[in-house]
Structures are given as structure tokens and as C-alpha cells.
Amino acid sequence: MQNQVMTNTPTPDPQLTRLMQVLAEARKQSESYLSGPALPARKDIVAIVDADARPWWQSLSPEQTFLLFEVSPTTAGRAPAEVRAAGYCAGVENISAEWWGTPGAPQTEVSQRLIALGKSAAHCLVRLFDNERRVTYKDGETRVEAKQDPWTVADLAAGLAARAVGSSYDASVSPVERAARRQLLRSQLQ
């Protein structure tokens, strides 16, 4: 018995491992499908999380949490508003802009769920106001608009944050004017 080392390693959680695998599939699918309910992986995710009321989000990255909440409103409803907001903000940063709509008119169902989180969402979106990564769209008219008005993640986040606090964001003005509007919005939210 001497010279034996005892380690305390946790037993792997097969449900969590499977959930992470299926969420990785959902992430890949999110490039082709434009909402959580449309993702083919949805049924597998829901089968795991809706049968077990534990706080799954505690073991997931914010991006995984976003996908989880989009496919399982039941699970999203159990999470605190700040956790939901952080997940949705990660979605704005990482998931196709097509899920959210245009910066000046975020009218998709997904964007409406984020906007409904109000100030919790607006506060976490502020951290994206400096993200200058360009957003693209597949839709012809929107794709042309995004090229004409070089929209960025910052614009998308500002448009959503403005709506979350009952304001608006003009995405058709020059990039310099949009940056000034983001600064003003940032100061109002801090």
C-alpha cells in the first residue's frame, strides 16, 4: 500500500459529454440553418436537457450556452437573465449575422429573444462595440447593403443594444457616424 498514490478524478458525465458533441454539431449546422428550432441537432439536444433539469449552462461555454438556449426554451427559462444575456451576446459575436437581422432592423425571432432581456443584454453587448469584424449575409439585398455600409459585429451589437433599451441605431450612416453613436450608447449604458 505504501508508494500508491490516490487521485480524486471525477467520473465523466456521459450526458454532458454527449451534449457537448451534439452542440458542436449544432454549431456547424448554424452556418446553414437560421434558428435554433431549425437545427437538425435540436431533437438530440432537447432529448438530453429537457429530461434533466440541472443547470447545464454551468458546464458550457457562452457560445454553447447560446445554442442550448435557442433549441431548448425550457432550459433557457431556468437560467438567470445574466446567463441568458451572456449566451446571447456570444451568439451575436460568433453566430452568422443572418440569425440576427441587420444592425438597423434586428427583427428575427432570435434577436427578439435577446432584445427581451433588456438592460442585461444591452450591458453585455457593449463589450462588442469595438469588434470591427465585418458581418456578411447570403440574402441578395441584405448582402449588398452590408457591402455598401461595411457593417461589423460592433454595428450588429449596437443595433441590438439600442433596441433592448428602447432606442434605435441607424446602420445606414457612415462608419464614423456609427462609431460616434456607439460611443454615445456606451456612455448611456455604463
Protein backbone atom coordinates (compact mmCIF):
# COMPACT_ATOMS: atom_id res chain seq x y z
CA MET A 1 0.00 0.00 0.00
CA GLN A 2 2.85 2.39 0.52
CA ASN A 3 4.02 4.15 -2.65
CA GLN A 4 0.48 4.09 -4.06
CA VAL A 5 -0.89 7.46 -5.00
CA MET A 6 -4.60 8.06 -4.75
CA THR A 7 -6.09 10.56 -7.15
CA ASN A 8 -9.50 12.09 -6.99
CA THR A 9 -10.62 12.20 -10.59
CA PRO A 10 -14.25 12.92 -11.32
CA THR A 11 -16.26 10.34 -13.16
CA PRO A 12 -17.04 11.52 -16.69
CA ASP A 13 -20.64 12.60 -17.18
CA PRO A 14 -21.85 10.77 -20.31
CA GLN A 15 -24.88 13.06 -20.74
CA LEU A 16 -22.71 16.19 -20.60
CA THR A 17 -20.18 14.64 -22.98
CA ARG A 18 -22.96 13.78 -25.43
CA LEU A 19 -24.49 17.24 -25.07
CA MET A 20 -21.18 18.87 -25.94
CA GLN A 21 -20.84 16.64 -29.00
CA VAL A 22 -24.32 17.48 -30.22
CA LEU A 23 -23.78 21.20 -29.55
CA ALA A 24 -20.64 21.01 -31.71
CA GLU A 25 -22.79 19.54 -34.48
CA ALA A 26 -25.35 22.33 -33.95
CA ARG A 27 -22.59 24.93 -34.25
CA LYS A 28 -21.61 23.56 -37.67
CA GLN A 29 -25.26 23.45 -38.70
CA SER A 30 -25.76 27.09 -37.64
CA GLU A 31 -24.00 28.19 -40.83
CA SER A 32 -26.80 26.70 -42.95
CA TYR A 33 -29.83 26.99 -40.66
CA LEU A 34 -31.01 30.34 -39.30
CA SER A 35 -32.61 29.49 -35.96
CA GLY A 36 -32.34 27.03 -33.12
CA PRO A 37 -35.63 25.28 -33.86
CA ALA A 38 -34.46 24.61 -37.45
CA LEU A 39 -31.18 22.91 -36.45
CA PRO A 40 -31.19 19.16 -37.16
CA ALA A 41 -29.31 18.57 -33.88
CA ARG A 42 -32.16 20.16 -31.94
CA LYS A 43 -34.03 16.94 -31.20
CA ASP A 44 -30.91 15.31 -29.72
CA ILE A 45 -30.14 18.33 -27.55
CA VAL A 46 -33.72 18.60 -26.29
CA ALA A 47 -33.78 14.86 -25.51
CA ILE A 48 -30.80 15.35 -23.20
CA VAL A 49 -31.61 18.63 -21.45
CA ASP A 50 -35.38 18.66 -21.18
CA ALA A 51 -35.34 15.34 -19.32
CA ASP A 52 -32.86 16.63 -16.71
CA ALA A 53 -33.48 20.00 -15.01
CA ARG A 54 -29.88 20.60 -13.96
CA PRO A 55 -28.16 23.90 -14.83
CA TRP A 56 -26.42 22.65 -17.98
CA TRP A 57 -25.10 26.12 -18.82
CA GLN A 58 -22.68 25.97 -15.89
CA SER A 59 -20.57 23.42 -17.79
CA LEU A 60 -20.72 25.10 -21.21
CA SER A 61 -19.02 27.97 -22.98
CA PRO A 62 -21.16 31.05 -23.65
CA GLU A 63 -21.42 30.13 -27.35
CA GLN A 64 -22.58 26.60 -26.47
CA THR A 65 -25.00 28.14 -23.98
CA PHE A 66 -26.47 30.32 -26.72
CA LEU A 67 -27.16 27.28 -28.90
CA LEU A 68 -28.56 25.38 -25.92
CA PHE A 69 -30.97 28.21 -25.09
CA GLU A 70 -32.04 28.57 -28.71
CA VAL A 71 -33.02 24.92 -29.05
CA SER A 72 -34.42 24.48 -25.54
CA PRO A 73 -36.60 27.35 -24.33
CA THR A 74 -37.38 25.22 -21.27
CA THR A 75 -33.72 25.21 -20.27
CA ALA A 76 -33.34 28.90 -21.11
CA GLY A 77 -36.29 29.68 -18.85
CA ARG A 78 -34.49 28.16 -15.87
CA ALA A 79 -31.32 30.22 -16.34
CA PRO A 80 -30.79 33.64 -14.72
CA ALA A 81 -31.21 36.63 -17.07
CA GLU A 82 -27.50 37.47 -16.91
CA VAL A 83 -26.57 33.94 -18.01
CA ARG A 84 -29.04 34.09 -20.88
CA ALA A 85 -27.72 37.52 -21.88
CA ALA A 86 -24.09 36.32 -21.84
CA GLY A 87 -25.03 33.36 -24.03
CA TYR A 88 -26.92 35.51 -26.49
CA CYS A 89 -24.08 38.05 -26.62
CA ALA A 90 -21.69 35.22 -27.50
CA GLY A 91 -24.14 34.29 -30.24
CA VAL A 92 -24.05 37.82 -31.65
CA GLU A 93 -20.27 37.66 -31.72
CA ASN A 94 -19.89 34.16 -33.16
CA ILE A 95 -23.01 33.01 -34.99
CA SER A 96 -23.94 34.15 -38.51
CA ALA A 97 -25.36 37.68 -38.68
CA GLU A 98 -28.28 36.21 -40.61
CA TRP A 99 -29.63 34.89 -37.31
CA TRP A 100 -29.92 38.47 -36.00
CA GLY A 101 -31.11 40.56 -38.94
CA THR A 102 -29.49 43.82 -39.97
CA PRO A 103 -27.93 46.22 -37.45
CA GLY A 104 -30.61 48.84 -38.01
CA ALA A 105 -33.53 46.39 -38.01
CA PRO A 106 -32.89 43.31 -35.87
CA GLN A 107 -36.30 41.70 -36.35
CA THR A 108 -35.65 37.97 -36.32
CA GLU A 109 -37.17 35.78 -33.61
CA VAL A 110 -33.67 35.19 -32.22
CA SER A 111 -32.96 38.91 -31.98
CA GLN A 112 -36.33 39.47 -30.32
CA ARG A 113 -35.42 36.97 -27.58
CA LEU A 114 -32.18 38.87 -26.96
CA ILE A 115 -33.90 42.27 -27.01
CA ALA A 116 -36.47 40.98 -24.49
CA LEU A 117 -33.62 40.59 -21.98
CA GLY A 118 -33.46 44.39 -21.84
CA LYS A 119 -30.63 46.03 -19.94
CA SER A 120 -28.97 42.69 -19.13
CA ALA A 121 -28.48 42.17 -22.86
CA ALA A 122 -27.52 45.78 -23.56
CA HIS A 123 -24.82 45.73 -20.88
CA CYS A 124 -23.15 42.62 -22.23
CA LEU A 125 -23.45 43.80 -25.84
CA VAL A 126 -21.39 46.91 -25.01
CA ARG A 127 -18.24 44.78 -24.90
CA LEU A 128 -18.77 44.06 -28.61
CA PHE A 129 -18.93 47.75 -29.61
CA ASP A 130 -15.25 47.69 -30.62
CA ASN A 131 -15.42 44.45 -32.63
CA GLU A 132 -14.66 45.54 -36.18
CA ARG A 133 -15.05 42.10 -37.79
CA ARG A 134 -17.23 42.51 -40.86
CA VAL A 135 -20.55 40.70 -40.95
CA THR A 136 -21.86 39.12 -44.11
CA TYR A 137 -25.21 37.96 -45.36
CA LYS A 138 -26.26 35.47 -48.03
CA ASP A 139 -29.50 37.23 -48.94
CA GLY A 140 -29.03 39.38 -52.06
CA GLU A 141 -30.42 42.72 -50.88
CA THR A 142 -29.00 42.47 -47.38
CA ARG A 143 -25.66 41.30 -48.75
CA VAL A 144 -25.48 44.40 -50.96
CA GLU A 145 -26.42 46.68 -48.05
CA ALA A 146 -23.72 45.12 -45.86
CA LYS A 147 -21.13 45.76 -48.58
CA GLN A 148 -22.26 49.36 -49.10
CA ASP A 149 -22.35 50.19 -45.40
CA PRO A 150 -19.49 47.90 -44.22
CA TRP A 151 -21.37 46.54 -41.20
CA THR A 152 -19.43 44.99 -38.35
CA VAL A 153 -20.15 42.93 -35.25
CA ALA A 154 -19.99 46.29 -33.40
CA ASP A 155 -22.86 47.61 -35.54
CA LEU A 156 -24.91 44.47 -35.01
CA ALA A 157 -24.34 44.60 -31.24
CA ALA A 158 -25.19 48.31 -31.09
CA GLY A 159 -28.38 47.82 -33.07
CA LEU A 160 -29.49 45.09 -30.69
CA ALA A 161 -28.41 47.02 -27.57
CA ALA A 162 -30.26 50.12 -28.72
CA ARG A 163 -33.44 48.12 -29.23
CA ALA A 164 -33.01 46.41 -25.86
CA VAL A 165 -33.20 49.82 -24.15
CA GLY A 166 -35.96 51.22 -26.37
CA SER A 167 -33.77 53.24 -28.71
CA SER A 168 -32.72 52.92 -32.35
CA TYR A 169 -29.49 52.60 -34.32
CA ASP A 170 -29.08 53.98 -37.83
CA ALA A 171 -26.89 51.50 -39.70
CA SER A 172 -27.07 53.45 -42.95
CA VAL A 173 -24.88 56.37 -41.85
CA SER A 174 -21.12 56.45 -42.36
CA PRO A 175 -18.83 54.23 -40.28
CA VAL A 176 -17.55 57.32 -38.44
CA GLU A 177 -21.10 58.36 -37.51
CA ARG A 178 -21.92 54.82 -36.40
CA ALA A 179 -18.79 54.76 -34.20
CA ALA A 180 -19.90 58.03 -32.60
CA ARG A 181 -23.37 56.61 -31.99
CA ARG A 182 -21.84 53.52 -30.37
CA GLN A 183 -19.77 55.75 -28.07
CA LEU A 184 -22.87 57.67 -27.04
CA LEU A 185 -24.81 54.47 -26.48
CA ARG A 186 -21.89 53.01 -24.49
CA SER A 187 -21.85 56.07 -22.18
CA GLN A 188 -25.60 55.78 -21.64
CA LEU A 189 -25.32 52.12 -20.68
CA GLN A 190 -22.40 52.35 -18.28
